[in-house]
Amino acid sequence: MIAEIAGWIAPAATMIAAMMTAANLGSRVTGWGFVVFVVGSVTWSIVGISSGQTNLLLTNGFLTLVNVVGVWRWLGRQAKYDDGGAKAADRSARARVPTLFAVGAMPGSKLVGSNGETIGTIVDAMADCGDARLNYVVVSEGGVGGVGERLHALGPEALTFTHEGVAASLTGEQLAALPVIAPDDWPKSLAVEATTPPASKA
């Protein structure tokens, strides 16, 4: 009976955990994904014991250890780091003049346009070596699930950073009209003119 239940739980847990970790929805979701992975590997081990499949047992015994490390890495350590950054940004937001923004939270966050709607997703940011100033931010827009997306580089002059996220002085149409950069070939630096939205036609 236990082996039969484990046989149903094991594949379901593995599929759910794979979706949770692949979605990259933050350290806590990823961490809980590894928790579900632990459930999956333990139940696969039960299936291996009950069916006499030593290879299945050994493989999932090892995967259980790996998944426990994943739980510690994402739900333990990384979640604490995220909390530290969030608390610092929150204290800054309550100050008379907010001064801090959690840079680590930038990749994957939504970019809000001048109309208040989400116009893209931040992929990463590049800073100058000399003074550590932000040179540009890479934003993706269009496509579905990353397929057919277009990448654009935005300079800091087009962005506003707050503890709540990043906003742009552009509309979705203006963002889409900017030059497209290759996913594997980003500019070495960004001129201010490159992120200036094209003038609207009269």
N, C-alpha and C. Protein backbone atom coordinates (compact mmCIF):
# COMPACT_ATOMS: atom_id res chain seq x y z
N MET A 1 0.83 -1.20 0.00
CA MET A 1 0.00 0.00 0.00
C MET A 1 0.87 1.26 0.00
N ILE A 2 1.89 1.28 0.89
CA ILE A 2 2.77 2.44 0.96
C ILE A 2 3.52 2.63 -0.35
N ALA A 3 3.99 1.49 -0.92
CA ALA A 3 4.73 1.57 -2.17
C ALA A 3 3.84 2.08 -3.30
N GLU A 4 2.58 1.70 -3.29
CA GLU A 4 1.65 2.16 -4.33
C GLU A 4 1.41 3.66 -4.24
N ILE A 5 1.22 4.14 -2.99
CA ILE A 5 1.03 5.59 -2.80
C ILE A 5 2.29 6.35 -3.22
N ALA A 6 3.46 5.81 -2.83
CA ALA A 6 4.72 6.45 -3.20
C ALA A 6 4.88 6.50 -4.71
N GLY A 7 4.40 5.47 -5.39
CA GLY A 7 4.49 5.43 -6.85
C GLY A 7 3.70 6.53 -7.52
N TRP A 8 2.65 7.01 -6.86
CA TRP A 8 1.87 8.13 -7.39
C TRP A 8 2.48 9.48 -7.00
N ILE A 9 2.95 9.56 -5.74
CA ILE A 9 3.50 10.82 -5.24
C ILE A 9 4.81 11.17 -5.94
N ALA A 10 5.67 10.17 -6.15
CA ALA A 10 7.02 10.41 -6.68
C ALA A 10 7.02 11.19 -8.00
N PRO A 11 6.32 10.72 -9.04
CA PRO A 11 6.37 11.49 -10.30
C PRO A 11 5.68 12.83 -10.20
N ALA A 12 4.58 12.92 -9.41
CA ALA A 12 3.87 14.19 -9.27
C ALA A 12 4.76 15.22 -8.59
N ALA A 13 5.43 14.80 -7.49
CA ALA A 13 6.31 15.72 -6.77
C ALA A 13 7.47 16.17 -7.64
N THR A 14 8.03 15.24 -8.41
CA THR A 14 9.16 15.59 -9.27
C THR A 14 8.77 16.61 -10.33
N MET A 15 7.60 16.44 -10.94
CA MET A 15 7.14 17.38 -11.97
C MET A 15 6.82 18.74 -11.38
N ILE A 16 6.15 18.75 -10.23
CA ILE A 16 5.81 20.03 -9.59
C ILE A 16 7.07 20.78 -9.18
N ALA A 17 8.02 20.06 -8.59
CA ALA A 17 9.28 20.68 -8.15
C ALA A 17 10.06 21.24 -9.33
N ALA A 18 10.06 20.50 -10.44
CA ALA A 18 10.78 20.97 -11.63
C ALA A 18 10.19 22.28 -12.13
N MET A 19 8.86 22.39 -12.12
CA MET A 19 8.21 23.63 -12.57
C MET A 19 8.51 24.78 -11.61
N MET A 20 8.52 24.50 -10.32
CA MET A 20 8.77 25.56 -9.33
C MET A 20 10.18 26.11 -9.44
N THR A 21 11.16 25.24 -9.63
CA THR A 21 12.55 25.71 -9.71
C THR A 21 12.85 26.34 -11.06
N ALA A 22 12.25 25.80 -12.13
CA ALA A 22 12.51 26.35 -13.46
C ALA A 22 11.87 27.72 -13.65
N ALA A 23 10.80 28.00 -12.90
CA ALA A 23 10.08 29.28 -13.06
C ALA A 23 10.90 30.46 -12.58
N ASN A 24 11.88 30.23 -11.69
CA ASN A 24 12.74 31.29 -11.18
C ASN A 24 11.92 32.46 -10.62
N LEU A 25 11.03 32.14 -9.68
CA LEU A 25 10.14 33.14 -9.09
C LEU A 25 10.64 33.69 -7.76
N GLY A 26 11.91 33.52 -7.50
CA GLY A 26 12.48 34.03 -6.26
C GLY A 26 13.04 32.91 -5.42
N SER A 27 13.85 33.29 -4.43
CA SER A 27 14.56 32.30 -3.62
C SER A 27 13.61 31.41 -2.83
N ARG A 28 12.51 31.96 -2.34
CA ARG A 28 11.60 31.14 -1.52
C ARG A 28 10.85 30.12 -2.37
N VAL A 29 10.37 30.52 -3.53
CA VAL A 29 9.69 29.56 -4.39
C VAL A 29 10.66 28.47 -4.84
N THR A 30 11.89 28.88 -5.20
CA THR A 30 12.90 27.90 -5.59
C THR A 30 13.22 26.98 -4.42
N GLY A 31 13.34 27.54 -3.22
CA GLY A 31 13.63 26.74 -2.03
C GLY A 31 12.55 25.72 -1.76
N TRP A 32 11.29 26.15 -1.84
CA TRP A 32 10.18 25.21 -1.63
C TRP A 32 10.12 24.19 -2.75
N GLY A 33 10.59 24.58 -3.94
CA GLY A 33 10.69 23.61 -5.03
C GLY A 33 11.64 22.48 -4.66
N PHE A 34 12.75 22.82 -4.00
CA PHE A 34 13.69 21.78 -3.56
C PHE A 34 13.10 20.94 -2.44
N VAL A 35 12.23 21.55 -1.61
CA VAL A 35 11.54 20.76 -0.58
C VAL A 35 10.67 19.70 -1.26
N VAL A 36 9.96 20.11 -2.30
CA VAL A 36 9.13 19.15 -3.04
C VAL A 36 10.01 18.11 -3.73
N PHE A 37 11.18 18.54 -4.22
CA PHE A 37 12.13 17.59 -4.80
C PHE A 37 12.54 16.53 -3.77
N VAL A 38 12.74 16.95 -2.50
CA VAL A 38 13.09 16.00 -1.45
C VAL A 38 11.97 14.96 -1.29
N VAL A 39 10.73 15.45 -1.29
CA VAL A 39 9.59 14.53 -1.20
C VAL A 39 9.62 13.54 -2.36
N GLY A 40 9.90 14.07 -3.55
CA GLY A 40 9.95 13.21 -4.73
C GLY A 40 11.06 12.17 -4.65
N SER A 41 12.27 12.59 -4.26
CA SER A 41 13.40 11.64 -4.21
C SER A 41 13.22 10.61 -3.12
N VAL A 42 12.60 11.01 -1.97
CA VAL A 42 12.36 10.05 -0.90
C VAL A 42 11.33 9.01 -1.35
N THR A 43 10.25 9.47 -1.99
CA THR A 43 9.23 8.52 -2.45
C THR A 43 9.76 7.64 -3.57
N TRP A 44 10.63 8.18 -4.44
CA TRP A 44 11.26 7.33 -5.45
C TRP A 44 12.13 6.27 -4.78
N SER A 45 12.78 6.64 -3.69
CA SER A 45 13.60 5.67 -2.95
C SER A 45 12.73 4.55 -2.38
N ILE A 46 11.54 4.92 -1.89
CA ILE A 46 10.61 3.91 -1.38
C ILE A 46 10.19 2.96 -2.49
N VAL A 47 9.93 3.54 -3.68
CA VAL A 47 9.59 2.70 -4.83
C VAL A 47 10.74 1.76 -5.15
N GLY A 48 11.97 2.28 -5.09
CA GLY A 48 13.14 1.46 -5.37
C GLY A 48 13.29 0.31 -4.39
N ILE A 49 13.04 0.59 -3.10
CA ILE A 49 13.15 -0.46 -2.07
C ILE A 49 12.09 -1.53 -2.28
N SER A 50 10.84 -1.08 -2.51
CA SER A 50 9.73 -2.03 -2.63
C SER A 50 9.81 -2.88 -3.89
N SER A 51 10.42 -2.32 -4.94
CA SER A 51 10.50 -3.05 -6.21
C SER A 51 11.83 -3.75 -6.41
N GLY A 52 12.73 -3.59 -5.45
CA GLY A 52 14.02 -4.24 -5.56
C GLY A 52 14.94 -3.61 -6.59
N GLN A 53 14.69 -2.33 -6.95
CA GLN A 53 15.53 -1.63 -7.93
C GLN A 53 16.62 -0.86 -7.17
N THR A 54 17.75 -1.52 -7.00
CA THR A 54 18.84 -0.91 -6.24
C THR A 54 19.35 0.37 -6.90
N ASN A 55 19.39 0.38 -8.23
CA ASN A 55 19.88 1.58 -8.93
C ASN A 55 18.97 2.78 -8.67
N LEU A 56 17.66 2.54 -8.64
CA LEU A 56 16.71 3.62 -8.36
C LEU A 56 16.88 4.12 -6.93
N LEU A 57 17.11 3.21 -6.01
CA LEU A 57 17.31 3.59 -4.60
C LEU A 57 18.58 4.40 -4.42
N LEU A 58 19.69 3.94 -5.00
CA LEU A 58 20.96 4.65 -4.84
C LEU A 58 20.92 6.03 -5.50
N THR A 59 20.34 6.08 -6.70
CA THR A 59 20.26 7.36 -7.41
C THR A 59 19.48 8.39 -6.61
N ASN A 60 18.31 7.99 -6.09
CA ASN A 60 17.47 8.96 -5.38
C ASN A 60 17.94 9.19 -3.95
N GLY A 61 18.73 8.25 -3.40
CA GLY A 61 19.37 8.54 -2.12
C GLY A 61 20.36 9.68 -2.28
N PHE A 62 21.15 9.63 -3.37
CA PHE A 62 22.08 10.72 -3.65
C PHE A 62 21.34 12.03 -3.96
N LEU A 63 20.26 11.93 -4.76
CA LEU A 63 19.49 13.13 -5.11
C LEU A 63 18.84 13.76 -3.88
N THR A 64 18.49 12.96 -2.90
CA THR A 64 17.92 13.51 -1.66
C THR A 64 18.93 14.42 -0.98
N LEU A 65 20.19 13.98 -0.92
CA LEU A 65 21.24 14.81 -0.33
C LEU A 65 21.42 16.11 -1.11
N VAL A 66 21.43 15.99 -2.45
CA VAL A 66 21.57 17.18 -3.29
C VAL A 66 20.41 18.14 -3.06
N ASN A 67 19.20 17.60 -2.97
CA ASN A 67 18.02 18.44 -2.79
C ASN A 67 18.00 19.11 -1.42
N VAL A 68 18.51 18.42 -0.40
CA VAL A 68 18.61 19.03 0.93
C VAL A 68 19.56 20.23 0.89
N VAL A 69 20.66 20.09 0.15
CA VAL A 69 21.57 21.22 -0.04
C VAL A 69 20.84 22.36 -0.74
N GLY A 70 20.00 22.03 -1.73
CA GLY A 70 19.22 23.05 -2.43
C GLY A 70 18.27 23.78 -1.49
N VAL A 71 17.65 23.04 -0.58
CA VAL A 71 16.76 23.66 0.41
C VAL A 71 17.53 24.65 1.27
N TRP A 72 18.70 24.22 1.75
CA TRP A 72 19.54 25.11 2.57
C TRP A 72 20.00 26.31 1.77
N ARG A 73 20.40 26.08 0.51
CA ARG A 73 20.95 27.15 -0.32
C ARG A 73 19.91 28.23 -0.61
N TRP A 74 18.68 27.83 -0.96
CA TRP A 74 17.68 28.80 -1.40
C TRP A 74 16.69 29.21 -0.32
N LEU A 75 16.26 28.26 0.49
CA LEU A 75 15.26 28.59 1.51
C LEU A 75 15.92 29.06 2.80
N GLY A 76 17.19 28.72 2.95
CA GLY A 76 17.92 29.14 4.14
C GLY A 76 18.77 30.36 3.87
N ARG A 77 19.93 30.15 3.25
CA ARG A 77 20.89 31.23 3.09
C ARG A 77 20.40 32.34 2.17
N GLN A 78 19.98 32.01 0.95
CA GLN A 78 19.60 33.05 0.00
C GLN A 78 18.38 33.83 0.46
N ALA A 79 17.42 33.14 1.07
CA ALA A 79 16.22 33.83 1.57
C ALA A 79 16.59 34.86 2.65
N LYS A 80 17.59 34.52 3.48
CA LYS A 80 18.04 35.47 4.51
C LYS A 80 18.71 36.67 3.86
N TYR A 81 19.51 36.42 2.81
CA TYR A 81 20.13 37.54 2.10
C TYR A 81 19.06 38.46 1.51
N ASP A 82 18.04 37.85 0.88
CA ASP A 82 16.95 38.64 0.29
C ASP A 82 16.22 39.45 1.35
N ASP A 83 16.00 38.83 2.52
CA ASP A 83 15.34 39.54 3.62
C ASP A 83 16.18 40.72 4.08
N GLY A 84 17.51 40.51 4.14
CA GLY A 84 18.39 41.60 4.56
C GLY A 84 18.32 42.78 3.62
N GLY A 85 18.35 42.51 2.30
CA GLY A 85 18.25 43.58 1.32
C GLY A 85 16.90 44.26 1.37
N ALA A 86 15.84 43.46 1.54
CA ALA A 86 14.48 44.03 1.59
C ALA A 86 14.30 44.91 2.81
N LYS A 87 14.85 44.50 3.96
CA LYS A 87 14.72 45.30 5.18
C LYS A 87 15.49 46.61 5.07
N ALA A 88 16.68 46.54 4.46
CA ALA A 88 17.46 47.77 4.28
C ALA A 88 16.73 48.74 3.37
N ALA A 89 16.15 48.21 2.28
CA ALA A 89 15.40 49.06 1.36
C ALA A 89 14.15 49.62 2.02
N ASP A 90 13.52 48.81 2.89
CA ASP A 90 12.31 49.27 3.58
C ASP A 90 12.64 50.38 4.58
N ARG A 91 13.75 50.23 5.30
CA ARG A 91 14.16 51.29 6.23
C ARG A 91 14.50 52.57 5.47
N SER A 92 15.13 52.40 4.31
CA SER A 92 15.46 53.55 3.48
C SER A 92 14.19 54.25 3.00
N ALA A 93 13.17 53.44 2.65
CA ALA A 93 11.92 54.02 2.14
C ALA A 93 11.20 54.84 3.21
N ARG A 94 11.39 54.46 4.48
CA ARG A 94 10.74 55.21 5.56
C ARG A 94 11.51 56.46 5.95
N ALA A 95 12.72 56.59 5.42
CA ALA A 95 13.50 57.79 5.71
C ALA A 95 12.93 58.99 4.95
N ARG A 96 13.37 60.18 5.34
CA ARG A 96 12.86 61.39 4.68
C ARG A 96 13.23 61.39 3.21
N VAL A 97 14.43 60.96 2.89
CA VAL A 97 14.86 60.85 1.50
C VAL A 97 15.37 59.42 1.27
N PRO A 98 14.58 58.55 0.59
CA PRO A 98 15.02 57.17 0.34
C PRO A 98 16.34 57.15 -0.42
N THR A 99 17.24 56.26 0.01
CA THR A 99 18.58 56.24 -0.60
C THR A 99 19.00 54.87 -1.12
N LEU A 100 18.27 53.81 -0.78
CA LEU A 100 18.71 52.47 -1.13
C LEU A 100 17.72 51.72 -2.02
N PHE A 101 18.30 50.90 -2.89
CA PHE A 101 17.52 50.02 -3.74
C PHE A 101 18.24 48.67 -3.78
N ALA A 102 17.51 47.57 -3.62
CA ALA A 102 18.12 46.24 -3.60
C ALA A 102 18.52 45.81 -5.01
N VAL A 103 19.80 45.93 -5.33
CA VAL A 103 20.29 45.62 -6.68
C VAL A 103 20.08 44.15 -7.01
N GLY A 104 20.24 43.27 -6.01
CA GLY A 104 20.08 41.85 -6.26
C GLY A 104 18.67 41.47 -6.67
N ALA A 105 17.70 42.33 -6.33
CA ALA A 105 16.31 42.05 -6.69
C ALA A 105 15.97 42.53 -8.10
N MET A 106 16.93 43.20 -8.76
CA MET A 106 16.63 43.77 -10.07
C MET A 106 16.38 42.73 -11.16
N PRO A 107 17.28 41.76 -11.38
CA PRO A 107 17.02 40.77 -12.43
C PRO A 107 15.73 39.98 -12.15
N GLY A 108 14.88 39.93 -13.15
CA GLY A 108 13.61 39.23 -13.01
C GLY A 108 12.46 40.10 -12.58
N SER A 109 12.76 41.34 -12.14
CA SER A 109 11.67 42.23 -11.71
C SER A 109 11.04 42.91 -12.91
N LYS A 110 9.83 43.36 -12.72
CA LYS A 110 9.07 44.00 -13.79
C LYS A 110 9.48 45.47 -13.95
N LEU A 111 9.45 45.92 -15.20
CA LEU A 111 9.72 47.32 -15.49
C LEU A 111 8.39 48.00 -15.77
N VAL A 112 8.10 49.02 -14.99
CA VAL A 112 6.83 49.75 -15.14
C VAL A 112 7.04 50.96 -16.03
N GLY A 113 6.16 51.13 -17.00
CA GLY A 113 6.27 52.23 -17.95
C GLY A 113 5.66 53.52 -17.44
N SER A 114 5.75 54.55 -18.24
CA SER A 114 5.24 55.87 -17.83
C SER A 114 3.73 55.89 -17.66
N ASN A 115 3.05 54.90 -18.24
CA ASN A 115 1.59 54.82 -18.10
C ASN A 115 1.17 53.97 -16.91
N GLY A 116 2.15 53.50 -16.13
CA GLY A 116 1.83 52.71 -14.95
C GLY A 116 1.67 51.22 -15.21
N GLU A 117 1.82 50.79 -16.46
CA GLU A 117 1.67 49.38 -16.80
C GLU A 117 3.04 48.72 -16.97
N THR A 118 3.09 47.41 -16.76
CA THR A 118 4.34 46.66 -16.96
C THR A 118 4.66 46.60 -18.44
N ILE A 119 5.87 47.02 -18.80
CA ILE A 119 6.25 47.04 -20.21
C ILE A 119 7.39 46.07 -20.53
N GLY A 120 7.99 45.49 -19.52
CA GLY A 120 9.09 44.56 -19.77
C GLY A 120 9.59 43.94 -18.48
N THR A 121 10.60 43.09 -18.62
CA THR A 121 11.22 42.42 -17.47
C THR A 121 12.72 42.68 -17.50
N ILE A 122 13.28 43.06 -16.36
CA ILE A 122 14.71 43.33 -16.29
C ILE A 122 15.49 42.02 -16.28
N VAL A 123 16.44 41.92 -17.20
CA VAL A 123 17.27 40.72 -17.32
C VAL A 123 18.52 40.84 -16.46
N ASP A 124 19.19 41.97 -16.55
CA ASP A 124 20.42 42.18 -15.78
C ASP A 124 20.82 43.65 -15.89
N ALA A 125 21.88 44.01 -15.20
CA ALA A 125 22.38 45.38 -15.24
C ALA A 125 23.90 45.35 -15.34
N MET A 126 24.45 46.35 -16.01
CA MET A 126 25.89 46.45 -16.18
C MET A 126 26.37 47.77 -15.55
N ALA A 127 27.46 47.67 -14.78
CA ALA A 127 28.01 48.86 -14.11
C ALA A 127 29.42 49.13 -14.60
N ASP A 128 29.83 50.38 -14.50
CA ASP A 128 31.18 50.78 -14.89
C ASP A 128 32.19 50.28 -13.85
N CYS A 129 33.34 49.85 -14.31
CA CYS A 129 34.38 49.34 -13.41
C CYS A 129 34.97 50.44 -12.53
N GLY A 130 35.21 51.61 -13.09
CA GLY A 130 35.89 52.67 -12.37
C GLY A 130 35.15 53.19 -11.16
N ASP A 131 33.90 53.62 -11.36
CA ASP A 131 33.16 54.24 -10.27
C ASP A 131 31.94 53.44 -9.84
N ALA A 132 31.75 52.24 -10.43
CA ALA A 132 30.63 51.35 -10.07
C ALA A 132 29.27 51.96 -10.39
N ARG A 133 29.27 52.98 -11.24
CA ARG A 133 28.00 53.58 -11.63
C ARG A 133 27.27 52.70 -12.62
N LEU A 134 25.94 52.70 -12.54
CA LEU A 134 25.14 51.91 -13.47
C LEU A 134 25.31 52.46 -14.88
N ASN A 135 25.69 51.58 -15.82
CA ASN A 135 25.85 52.00 -17.21
C ASN A 135 24.57 51.77 -17.99
N TYR A 136 24.03 50.57 -17.88
CA TYR A 136 22.74 50.30 -18.52
C TYR A 136 22.07 49.07 -17.92
N VAL A 137 20.78 48.98 -18.18
CA VAL A 137 19.98 47.83 -17.75
C VAL A 137 19.43 47.16 -19.00
N VAL A 138 19.47 45.83 -19.04
CA VAL A 138 18.92 45.08 -20.17
C VAL A 138 17.50 44.66 -19.83
N VAL A 139 16.58 44.98 -20.71
CA VAL A 139 15.16 44.70 -20.50
C VAL A 139 14.64 43.84 -21.64
N SER A 140 13.83 42.84 -21.30
CA SER A 140 13.20 42.01 -22.33
C SER A 140 11.73 42.40 -22.47
N GLU A 141 11.24 42.33 -23.68
CA GLU A 141 9.82 42.59 -23.93
C GLU A 141 9.37 41.77 -25.13
N GLY A 142 8.08 41.48 -25.19
CA GLY A 142 7.53 40.68 -26.28
C GLY A 142 7.80 39.21 -26.07
N GLY A 143 7.25 38.41 -26.94
CA GLY A 143 7.45 36.97 -26.88
C GLY A 143 6.61 36.32 -25.80
N VAL A 144 6.69 35.00 -25.74
CA VAL A 144 5.96 34.21 -24.75
C VAL A 144 6.93 33.24 -24.10
N GLY A 145 7.09 33.32 -22.78
CA GLY A 145 7.99 32.42 -22.08
C GLY A 145 9.43 32.51 -22.53
N GLY A 146 9.84 33.69 -22.99
CA GLY A 146 11.21 33.88 -23.46
C GLY A 146 11.39 33.61 -24.93
N VAL A 147 10.41 32.98 -25.57
CA VAL A 147 10.49 32.70 -27.00
C VAL A 147 9.98 33.91 -27.78
N GLY A 148 10.82 34.44 -28.64
CA GLY A 148 10.44 35.61 -29.42
C GLY A 148 10.62 36.93 -28.69
N GLU A 149 11.26 36.89 -27.52
CA GLU A 149 11.48 38.13 -26.79
C GLU A 149 12.53 39.00 -27.47
N ARG A 150 12.47 40.30 -27.21
CA ARG A 150 13.45 41.24 -27.73
C ARG A 150 14.12 41.93 -26.55
N LEU A 151 15.43 42.10 -26.66
CA LEU A 151 16.19 42.74 -25.58
C LEU A 151 16.58 44.15 -25.97
N HIS A 152 16.49 45.05 -25.01
CA HIS A 152 16.87 46.45 -25.22
C HIS A 152 17.72 46.90 -24.04
N ALA A 153 18.64 47.81 -24.30
CA ALA A 153 19.48 48.38 -23.25
C ALA A 153 18.96 49.76 -22.89
N LEU A 154 18.73 49.99 -21.61
CA LEU A 154 18.25 51.29 -21.14
C LEU A 154 19.28 51.91 -20.20
N GLY A 155 19.60 53.17 -20.43
CA GLY A 155 20.51 53.88 -19.55
C GLY A 155 19.80 54.36 -18.31
N PRO A 156 20.54 54.68 -17.25
CA PRO A 156 19.93 55.10 -15.99
C PRO A 156 19.11 56.38 -16.10
N GLU A 157 19.40 57.19 -17.12
CA GLU A 157 18.63 58.43 -17.28
C GLU A 157 17.18 58.17 -17.63
N ALA A 158 16.88 56.96 -18.11
CA ALA A 158 15.50 56.62 -18.48
C ALA A 158 14.79 55.86 -17.37
N LEU A 159 15.47 55.66 -16.23
CA LEU A 159 14.93 54.81 -15.17
C LEU A 159 14.80 55.55 -13.84
N THR A 160 13.86 55.09 -13.04
CA THR A 160 13.68 55.59 -11.69
C THR A 160 13.65 54.38 -10.76
N PHE A 161 14.51 54.39 -9.74
CA PHE A 161 14.60 53.27 -8.81
C PHE A 161 13.96 53.64 -7.48
N THR A 162 13.09 52.77 -6.98
CA THR A 162 12.48 52.93 -5.67
C THR A 162 12.56 51.59 -4.95
N HIS A 163 12.19 51.57 -3.66
CA HIS A 163 12.21 50.31 -2.92
C HIS A 163 11.13 49.36 -3.44
N GLU A 164 10.19 49.88 -4.23
CA GLU A 164 9.11 49.05 -4.77
C GLU A 164 9.47 48.44 -6.12
N GLY A 165 10.49 48.96 -6.79
CA GLY A 165 10.87 48.42 -8.09
C GLY A 165 11.47 49.48 -8.99
N VAL A 166 11.41 49.20 -10.30
CA VAL A 166 12.02 50.08 -11.29
C VAL A 166 10.95 50.58 -12.26
N ALA A 167 10.99 51.87 -12.54
CA ALA A 167 10.05 52.47 -13.48
C ALA A 167 10.83 53.16 -14.59
N ALA A 168 10.23 53.24 -15.77
CA ALA A 168 10.87 53.87 -16.92
C ALA A 168 10.05 55.04 -17.42
N SER A 169 10.74 56.01 -18.00
CA SER A 169 10.05 57.17 -18.56
C SER A 169 9.63 56.89 -20.00
N LEU A 170 9.30 55.63 -20.29
CA LEU A 170 8.92 55.21 -21.63
C LEU A 170 7.60 54.46 -21.60
N THR A 171 6.92 54.47 -22.72
CA THR A 171 5.75 53.61 -22.88
C THR A 171 6.22 52.28 -23.47
N GLY A 172 5.31 51.32 -23.51
CA GLY A 172 5.66 50.04 -24.12
C GLY A 172 6.04 50.18 -25.57
N GLU A 173 5.35 51.07 -26.30
CA GLU A 173 5.65 51.29 -27.72
C GLU A 173 7.03 51.91 -27.91
N GLN A 174 7.39 52.83 -27.03
CA GLN A 174 8.70 53.47 -27.12
C GLN A 174 9.81 52.48 -26.78
N LEU A 175 9.58 51.61 -25.81
CA LEU A 175 10.57 50.59 -25.49
C LEU A 175 10.78 49.64 -26.67
N ALA A 176 9.70 49.21 -27.29
CA ALA A 176 9.79 48.28 -28.42
C ALA A 176 10.49 48.91 -29.62
N ALA A 177 10.45 50.25 -29.71
CA ALA A 177 11.06 50.94 -30.85
C ALA A 177 12.56 51.15 -30.68
N LEU A 178 13.10 50.89 -29.49
CA LEU A 178 14.53 51.05 -29.25
C LEU A 178 15.31 49.95 -29.97
N PRO A 179 16.62 50.17 -30.23
CA PRO A 179 17.44 49.15 -30.90
C PRO A 179 17.42 47.83 -30.12
N VAL A 180 17.38 46.74 -30.85
CA VAL A 180 17.39 45.41 -30.24
C VAL A 180 18.83 44.94 -30.12
N ILE A 181 19.17 44.37 -28.96
CA ILE A 181 20.52 43.82 -28.78
C ILE A 181 20.44 42.29 -28.78
N ALA A 182 21.52 41.65 -29.19
CA ALA A 182 21.56 40.19 -29.26
C ALA A 182 21.66 39.61 -27.84
N PRO A 183 21.01 38.49 -27.57
CA PRO A 183 21.05 37.88 -26.24
C PRO A 183 22.46 37.56 -25.77
N ASP A 184 23.36 37.24 -26.73
CA ASP A 184 24.72 36.85 -26.35
C ASP A 184 25.77 37.88 -26.75
N ASP A 185 25.35 39.11 -27.04
CA ASP A 185 26.30 40.14 -27.47
C ASP A 185 25.80 41.51 -27.05
N TRP A 186 26.07 41.86 -25.78
CA TRP A 186 25.62 43.14 -25.24
C TRP A 186 26.67 44.21 -25.50
N PRO A 187 26.26 45.49 -25.55
CA PRO A 187 27.23 46.58 -25.82
C PRO A 187 28.24 46.74 -24.69
N LYS A 188 29.45 47.18 -25.06
CA LYS A 188 30.49 47.39 -24.04
C LYS A 188 30.19 48.63 -23.21
N SER A 189 29.40 49.53 -23.76
CA SER A 189 28.98 50.73 -23.04
C SER A 189 27.75 51.26 -23.76
N LEU A 190 27.03 52.14 -23.10
CA LEU A 190 25.80 52.64 -23.70
C LEU A 190 25.81 54.15 -23.74
N ALA A 191 25.63 54.70 -24.93
CA ALA A 191 25.53 56.15 -25.09
C ALA A 191 24.15 56.59 -24.65
N VAL A 192 24.07 57.79 -24.13
CA VAL A 192 22.79 58.32 -23.67
C VAL A 192 21.77 58.33 -24.78
N GLU A 193 22.23 58.62 -26.00
CA GLU A 193 21.30 58.74 -27.12
C GLU A 193 20.62 57.42 -27.43
N ALA A 194 21.24 56.30 -27.06
CA ALA A 194 20.72 54.99 -27.44
C ALA A 194 19.40 54.68 -26.75
N THR A 195 19.14 55.32 -25.60
CA THR A 195 17.92 55.04 -24.89
C THR A 195 16.90 56.16 -24.97
N THR A 196 17.17 57.14 -25.83
CA THR A 196 16.22 58.22 -26.01
C THR A 196 15.09 57.74 -26.91
N PRO A 197 13.83 57.80 -26.44
CA PRO A 197 12.73 57.30 -27.24
C PRO A 197 12.55 58.11 -28.52
N PRO A 198 12.18 57.49 -29.62
CA PRO A 198 11.98 58.22 -30.87
C PRO A 198 10.84 59.21 -30.74
N ALA A 199 11.00 60.31 -31.42
CA ALA A 199 9.97 61.35 -31.36
C ALA A 199 8.68 60.85 -31.99
N SER A 200 7.55 61.17 -31.36
CA SER A 200 6.27 60.72 -31.90
C SER A 200 5.90 61.56 -33.11
N LYS A 201 5.25 60.89 -34.04
CA LYS A 201 4.86 61.60 -35.27
C LYS A 201 3.66 62.50 -35.00
N ALA A 202 3.70 63.63 -35.66
CA ALA A 202 2.61 64.60 -35.46
C ALA A 202 1.35 64.08 -36.14
